[in-house]
Amino acid sequence: MKKRPNDSLLTSAPTPEQMKAARINAGLTQAQASRMIFGTGNYHTFQNYELGTRQASVGTYILLMLMTEQATVKEAQAVVEGRM
């Protein structure tokens, strides 16, 4: 598992810094991250998350963390079930 940008998954909306750190730790460009999460290579969504002009959801952050092996399914389930 890759190193996470913070010690645990979030239970509230991620900050622009957390979104950028998660993407960079995964070795992805904004376009690659957008393609992975949304199925489109339009980098503007991730650019806006990282600039703070658009708020990423907890679900988007968790999906990015899972798909880039920065979090485990067990950790994600704990967040969803309110155990973290």
N, C-alpha and C. Protein backbone atom coordinates (compact mmCIF):
# COMPACT_ATOMS: atom_id res chain seq x y z
N MET A 1 0.84 -1.17 0.00
CA MET A 1 0.00 0.00 0.00
C MET A 1 0.89 1.24 0.00
N LYS A 2 0.49 2.22 -0.78
CA LYS A 2 1.23 3.48 -0.86
C LYS A 2 1.01 4.31 0.40
N LYS A 3 1.94 5.21 0.65
CA LYS A 3 1.83 6.10 1.80
C LYS A 3 0.67 7.06 1.60
N ARG A 4 -0.12 7.25 2.64
CA ARG A 4 -1.25 8.16 2.58
C ARG A 4 -0.82 9.58 2.94
N PRO A 5 -1.54 10.57 2.40
CA PRO A 5 -1.20 11.95 2.72
C PRO A 5 -1.60 12.35 4.14
N ASN A 6 -2.36 11.52 4.83
CA ASN A 6 -2.71 11.78 6.22
C ASN A 6 -2.87 10.44 6.93
N ASP A 7 -3.06 10.46 8.23
CA ASP A 7 -3.07 9.22 9.01
C ASP A 7 -4.32 8.39 8.88
N SER A 8 -5.43 8.96 8.49
CA SER A 8 -6.67 8.19 8.38
C SER A 8 -7.54 8.78 7.29
N LEU A 9 -8.48 7.98 6.87
CA LEU A 9 -9.44 8.49 5.89
C LEU A 9 -10.31 9.55 6.54
N LEU A 10 -10.84 10.41 5.74
CA LEU A 10 -11.62 11.53 6.24
C LEU A 10 -13.07 11.15 6.49
N THR A 11 -13.68 11.85 7.42
CA THR A 11 -15.11 11.71 7.64
C THR A 11 -15.82 13.01 7.27
N SER A 12 -15.06 14.01 6.84
CA SER A 12 -15.64 15.25 6.33
C SER A 12 -14.93 15.61 5.03
N ALA A 13 -15.43 16.60 4.36
CA ALA A 13 -14.90 16.96 3.04
C ALA A 13 -13.39 17.22 3.10
N PRO A 14 -12.65 16.70 2.11
CA PRO A 14 -11.20 16.90 2.10
C PRO A 14 -10.83 18.34 1.74
N THR A 15 -9.70 18.77 2.23
CA THR A 15 -9.19 20.10 1.88
C THR A 15 -8.54 20.03 0.50
N PRO A 16 -8.33 21.19 -0.11
CA PRO A 16 -7.61 21.20 -1.39
C PRO A 16 -6.23 20.54 -1.26
N GLU A 17 -5.56 20.78 -0.15
CA GLU A 17 -4.23 20.20 0.07
C GLU A 17 -4.28 18.68 0.15
N GLN A 18 -5.31 18.14 0.79
CA GLN A 18 -5.44 16.69 0.91
C GLN A 18 -5.72 16.05 -0.45
N MET A 19 -6.55 16.71 -1.26
CA MET A 19 -6.83 16.17 -2.59
C MET A 19 -5.56 16.16 -3.44
N LYS A 20 -4.81 17.25 -3.39
CA LYS A 20 -3.59 17.33 -4.18
C LYS A 20 -2.57 16.30 -3.70
N ALA A 21 -2.42 16.17 -2.38
CA ALA A 21 -1.45 15.21 -1.84
C ALA A 21 -1.82 13.78 -2.23
N ALA A 22 -3.09 13.45 -2.19
CA ALA A 22 -3.53 12.10 -2.56
C ALA A 22 -3.22 11.82 -4.03
N ARG A 23 -3.47 12.80 -4.89
CA ARG A 23 -3.21 12.63 -6.32
C ARG A 23 -1.72 12.50 -6.59
N ILE A 24 -0.93 13.38 -5.99
CA ILE A 24 0.51 13.36 -6.20
C ILE A 24 1.13 12.08 -5.65
N ASN A 25 0.70 11.66 -4.47
CA ASN A 25 1.22 10.41 -3.89
C ASN A 25 0.94 9.22 -4.79
N ALA A 26 -0.14 9.30 -5.54
CA ALA A 26 -0.48 8.22 -6.47
C ALA A 26 0.31 8.32 -7.78
N GLY A 27 1.00 9.44 -7.97
CA GLY A 27 1.77 9.63 -9.19
C GLY A 27 0.91 9.96 -10.40
N LEU A 28 -0.23 10.60 -10.16
CA LEU A 28 -1.17 10.91 -11.25
C LEU A 28 -1.18 12.39 -11.58
N THR A 29 -1.41 12.68 -12.85
CA THR A 29 -1.69 14.06 -13.26
C THR A 29 -3.15 14.34 -12.92
N GLN A 30 -3.54 15.60 -13.01
CA GLN A 30 -4.95 15.93 -12.78
C GLN A 30 -5.84 15.24 -13.80
N ALA A 31 -5.40 15.17 -15.06
CA ALA A 31 -6.18 14.51 -16.10
C ALA A 31 -6.30 13.02 -15.83
N GLN A 32 -5.23 12.38 -15.40
CA GLN A 32 -5.27 10.95 -15.10
C GLN A 32 -6.19 10.65 -13.92
N ALA A 33 -6.12 11.48 -12.90
CA ALA A 33 -6.99 11.30 -11.74
C ALA A 33 -8.45 11.47 -12.14
N SER A 34 -8.73 12.46 -12.96
CA SER A 34 -10.09 12.69 -13.43
C SER A 34 -10.61 11.52 -14.25
N ARG A 35 -9.75 10.98 -15.11
CA ARG A 35 -10.13 9.83 -15.92
C ARG A 35 -10.41 8.62 -15.03
N MET A 36 -9.60 8.42 -14.02
CA MET A 36 -9.76 7.29 -13.11
C MET A 36 -11.07 7.37 -12.33
N ILE A 37 -11.38 8.54 -11.82
CA ILE A 37 -12.55 8.71 -10.96
C ILE A 37 -13.84 8.95 -11.74
N PHE A 38 -13.78 9.77 -12.78
CA PHE A 38 -14.99 10.20 -13.47
C PHE A 38 -15.14 9.67 -14.89
N GLY A 39 -14.11 9.00 -15.41
CA GLY A 39 -14.19 8.45 -16.76
C GLY A 39 -13.92 9.45 -17.85
N THR A 40 -13.44 10.63 -17.47
CA THR A 40 -13.11 11.65 -18.45
C THR A 40 -11.74 12.22 -18.14
N GLY A 41 -11.02 12.62 -19.15
CA GLY A 41 -9.69 13.17 -18.96
C GLY A 41 -9.67 14.67 -18.72
N ASN A 42 -10.83 15.27 -18.47
CA ASN A 42 -10.91 16.71 -18.24
C ASN A 42 -10.29 17.03 -16.88
N TYR A 43 -9.14 17.67 -16.89
CA TYR A 43 -8.41 17.93 -15.65
C TYR A 43 -9.03 19.04 -14.81
N HIS A 44 -9.96 19.79 -15.35
CA HIS A 44 -10.50 20.96 -14.65
C HIS A 44 -11.16 20.60 -13.32
N THR A 45 -11.78 19.43 -13.22
CA THR A 45 -12.43 19.05 -11.96
C THR A 45 -11.38 18.94 -10.86
N PHE A 46 -10.30 18.21 -11.11
CA PHE A 46 -9.27 18.08 -10.08
C PHE A 46 -8.55 19.39 -9.86
N GLN A 47 -8.37 20.16 -10.89
CA GLN A 47 -7.74 21.47 -10.74
C GLN A 47 -8.59 22.32 -9.79
N ASN A 48 -9.89 22.30 -9.97
CA ASN A 48 -10.78 23.08 -9.11
C ASN A 48 -10.79 22.56 -7.68
N TYR A 49 -10.73 21.23 -7.50
CA TYR A 49 -10.62 20.68 -6.15
C TYR A 49 -9.37 21.20 -5.46
N GLU A 50 -8.26 21.20 -6.19
CA GLU A 50 -6.97 21.57 -5.61
C GLU A 50 -6.83 23.08 -5.39
N LEU A 51 -7.56 23.87 -6.16
CA LEU A 51 -7.56 25.32 -5.97
C LEU A 51 -8.57 25.76 -4.92
N GLY A 52 -9.47 24.85 -4.55
CA GLY A 52 -10.49 25.17 -3.57
C GLY A 52 -11.70 25.88 -4.15
N THR A 53 -11.80 25.93 -5.47
CA THR A 53 -12.96 26.58 -6.10
C THR A 53 -14.14 25.61 -6.22
N ARG A 54 -13.88 24.34 -5.98
CA ARG A 54 -14.92 23.31 -5.96
C ARG A 54 -14.58 22.34 -4.84
N GLN A 55 -15.59 21.93 -4.07
CA GLN A 55 -15.37 21.04 -2.94
C GLN A 55 -15.53 19.58 -3.36
N ALA A 56 -14.50 18.78 -3.12
CA ALA A 56 -14.60 17.35 -3.38
C ALA A 56 -15.39 16.70 -2.25
N SER A 57 -16.13 15.67 -2.57
CA SER A 57 -16.89 14.95 -1.55
C SER A 57 -16.00 13.94 -0.85
N VAL A 58 -16.44 13.50 0.31
CA VAL A 58 -15.72 12.44 1.03
C VAL A 58 -15.66 11.20 0.15
N GLY A 59 -16.76 10.91 -0.55
CA GLY A 59 -16.82 9.73 -1.43
C GLY A 59 -15.78 9.79 -2.54
N THR A 60 -15.61 10.95 -3.14
CA THR A 60 -14.62 11.11 -4.20
C THR A 60 -13.22 10.88 -3.65
N TYR A 61 -12.96 11.44 -2.48
CA TYR A 61 -11.65 11.28 -1.84
C TYR A 61 -11.39 9.80 -1.50
N ILE A 62 -12.38 9.15 -0.91
CA ILE A 62 -12.22 7.73 -0.55
C ILE A 62 -12.02 6.89 -1.80
N LEU A 63 -12.76 7.15 -2.86
CA LEU A 63 -12.60 6.40 -4.11
C LEU A 63 -11.18 6.59 -4.67
N LEU A 64 -10.68 7.81 -4.66
CA LEU A 64 -9.32 8.06 -5.12
C LEU A 64 -8.32 7.27 -4.27
N MET A 65 -8.50 7.31 -2.96
CA MET A 65 -7.60 6.59 -2.06
C MET A 65 -7.65 5.08 -2.29
N LEU A 66 -8.84 4.55 -2.50
CA LEU A 66 -8.98 3.11 -2.75
C LEU A 66 -8.38 2.71 -4.09
N MET A 67 -8.70 3.46 -5.13
CA MET A 67 -8.25 3.10 -6.47
C MET A 67 -6.74 3.24 -6.64
N THR A 68 -6.11 4.04 -5.80
CA THR A 68 -4.67 4.21 -5.89
C THR A 68 -3.94 3.47 -4.77
N GLU A 69 -4.66 2.60 -4.10
CA GLU A 69 -4.12 1.74 -3.04
C GLU A 69 -3.48 2.52 -1.89
N GLN A 70 -4.07 3.68 -1.58
CA GLN A 70 -3.63 4.47 -0.43
C GLN A 70 -4.50 4.21 0.78
N ALA A 71 -5.54 3.40 0.60
CA ALA A 71 -6.44 3.01 1.69
C ALA A 71 -6.95 1.61 1.39
N THR A 72 -7.39 0.95 2.43
CA THR A 72 -7.95 -0.40 2.26
C THR A 72 -9.47 -0.33 2.26
N VAL A 73 -10.07 -1.37 1.74
CA VAL A 73 -11.54 -1.46 1.74
C VAL A 73 -12.05 -1.46 3.17
N LYS A 74 -11.34 -2.13 4.04
CA LYS A 74 -11.74 -2.19 5.45
C LYS A 74 -11.77 -0.78 6.07
N GLU A 75 -10.79 0.04 5.75
CA GLU A 75 -10.77 1.42 6.25
C GLU A 75 -11.94 2.22 5.69
N ALA A 76 -12.21 2.05 4.39
CA ALA A 76 -13.32 2.76 3.77
C ALA A 76 -14.65 2.34 4.38
N GLN A 77 -14.82 1.06 4.63
CA GLN A 77 -16.05 0.57 5.26
C GLN A 77 -16.23 1.17 6.64
N ALA A 78 -15.15 1.30 7.39
CA ALA A 78 -15.21 1.89 8.72
C ALA A 78 -15.69 3.32 8.66
N VAL A 79 -15.23 4.08 7.65
CA VAL A 79 -15.66 5.46 7.49
C VAL A 79 -17.15 5.50 7.17
N VAL A 80 -17.56 4.68 6.23
CA VAL A 80 -18.97 4.66 5.82
C VAL A 80 -19.87 4.25 6.99
N GLU A 81 -19.41 3.33 7.79
CA GLU A 81 -20.20 2.86 8.92
C GLU A 81 -20.03 3.73 10.16
N GLY A 82 -19.23 4.78 10.04
CA GLY A 82 -19.06 5.73 11.14
C GLY A 82 -18.15 5.24 12.26
N ARG A 83 -17.26 4.31 11.97
CA ARG A 83 -16.36 3.79 13.00
C ARG A 83 -15.01 4.47 13.02
N MET A 84 -14.79 5.47 12.18
CA MET A 84 -13.51 6.19 12.17
C MET A 84 -13.76 7.63 12.54
